[in-house]
Protein backbone atom coordinates (compact mmCIF):
# COMPACT_ATOMS: atom_id res chain seq x y z
CA MET A 1 -25.51 30.65 2.42
CA THR A 2 -26.21 29.12 -0.98
CA VAL A 3 -23.36 27.27 -2.65
CA ASP A 4 -23.33 27.04 -6.44
CA LYS A 5 -23.00 23.73 -8.28
CA ASN A 6 -19.44 24.48 -9.51
CA THR A 7 -18.26 25.01 -5.94
CA LEU A 8 -19.97 21.79 -4.85
CA THR A 9 -18.34 19.91 -7.72
CA SER A 10 -14.90 21.19 -6.70
CA ARG A 11 -15.59 20.09 -3.14
CA TYR A 12 -16.74 16.68 -4.42
CA PHE A 13 -13.34 16.12 -6.04
CA SER A 14 -11.19 17.59 -3.27
CA LEU A 15 -12.95 15.68 -0.48
CA ALA A 16 -12.41 12.34 -2.19
CA LYS A 17 -8.66 12.99 -2.39
CA LYS A 18 -8.57 14.23 1.19
CA LEU A 19 -10.41 11.14 2.46
CA GLU A 20 -7.70 8.94 0.92
CA SER A 21 -5.17 10.58 3.27
CA VAL A 22 -7.53 10.57 6.28
CA TYR A 23 -8.05 6.79 5.98
CA PRO A 24 -4.89 5.30 4.43
CA LYS A 25 -5.38 2.00 6.28
CA LEU A 26 -8.65 1.39 4.40
CA GLN A 27 -6.82 1.51 1.08
CA PHE A 28 -9.87 3.17 -0.51
CA ARG A 29 -9.29 5.37 -3.54
CA ASP A 30 -11.29 8.45 -4.47
CA HIS A 31 -13.81 6.43 -6.48
CA CYS A 32 -14.57 4.27 -3.41
CA PHE A 33 -15.64 7.30 -1.37
CA TRP A 34 -17.74 8.53 -4.27
CA ARG A 35 -19.39 5.11 -4.64
CA ILE A 36 -20.25 5.01 -0.95
CA ALA A 37 -21.67 8.55 -0.81
CA LEU A 38 -23.45 8.24 -4.16
CA ASP A 39 -25.08 4.89 -3.37
CA ASN A 40 -26.26 6.17 0.02
CA THR A 41 -27.61 9.38 -1.49
CA LEU A 42 -29.41 7.63 -4.34
CA LYS A 43 -30.47 4.63 -2.22
CA GLY A 44 -29.08 2.07 -4.63
CA LYS A 45 -26.32 1.33 -7.10
CA TRP A 46 -25.81 4.90 -8.29
CA ASP A 47 -25.06 4.12 -11.94
CA GLU A 48 -28.41 2.37 -12.24
CA VAL A 49 -30.09 5.61 -11.14
CA ILE A 50 -28.11 8.24 -13.06
CA ASP A 51 -25.69 8.24 -15.97
CA ARG A 52 -21.90 8.40 -15.74
CA PRO A 53 -20.01 10.48 -14.80
CA ALA A 54 -22.03 11.01 -11.65
CA TYR A 55 -20.99 14.58 -10.92
CA LYS A 56 -22.38 15.73 -14.29
CA HIS A 57 -25.76 14.06 -13.78
CA LEU A 58 -26.52 14.75 -10.12
CA SER A 59 -29.09 17.39 -9.32
CA LYS A 60 -27.79 20.21 -7.14
CA GLN A 61 -29.66 18.75 -4.17
CA GLN A 62 -28.14 15.29 -4.75
CA LEU A 63 -24.67 16.80 -5.10
CA GLU A 64 -25.18 18.70 -1.84
CA GLN A 65 -26.08 15.42 -0.12
CA VAL A 66 -23.07 13.56 -1.55
CA VAL A 67 -20.74 16.35 -0.38
CA HIS A 68 -22.46 16.36 3.01
CA TRP A 69 -21.84 12.62 3.42
CA MET A 70 -18.19 12.95 2.42
CA GLU A 71 -17.74 15.81 4.92
CA ARG A 72 -19.24 13.59 7.61
CA TYR A 73 -16.98 10.67 6.63
CA GLU A 74 -13.97 12.89 7.26
CA LYS A 75 -14.92 13.01 10.96
CA ASP A 76 -16.83 9.75 11.43
CA GLU A 77 -15.23 6.49 10.33
CA ARG A 78 -18.09 4.53 11.87
CA LEU A 79 -20.56 6.24 9.52
CA LEU A 80 -18.21 5.65 6.58
CA GLN A 81 -18.05 1.93 7.40
CA LEU A 82 -21.82 1.72 7.88
CA HIS A 83 -22.42 3.43 4.54
CA ASN A 84 -19.83 1.21 2.85
CA THR A 85 -21.62 -1.89 4.13
CA ARG A 86 -24.94 -0.48 2.87
CA SER A 87 -23.39 0.34 -0.51
CA ILE A 88 -22.07 -3.19 -0.85
CA SER A 89 -25.50 -4.59 0.03
CA PHE A 90 -27.13 -2.42 -2.68
CA ARG A 91 -24.71 -3.94 -5.16
CA LYS A 92 -25.30 -7.53 -4.02
CA ALA A 93 -29.07 -7.08 -4.21
CA ARG A 94 -29.01 -6.45 -7.95
């Protein structure tokens, strides 16, 4: 089933809010989950690859990947932590 970009964008926003409640002990806010998924999708500091705001400048394929990662984070804290570490390393490497 093909999902349109508007539906993906809605999911992008709702997942970030949901992840805040799934992982309250991490004290991450919505933008933290976006940073992690965006950096891992774009393989670097996302705002050096695309313009802000990210959701308006992602291709449909990139948006699908970001949403995919956030859906995985909901069930897999280990992956979330691994991707967070990778995101931080992308930012330190600048």
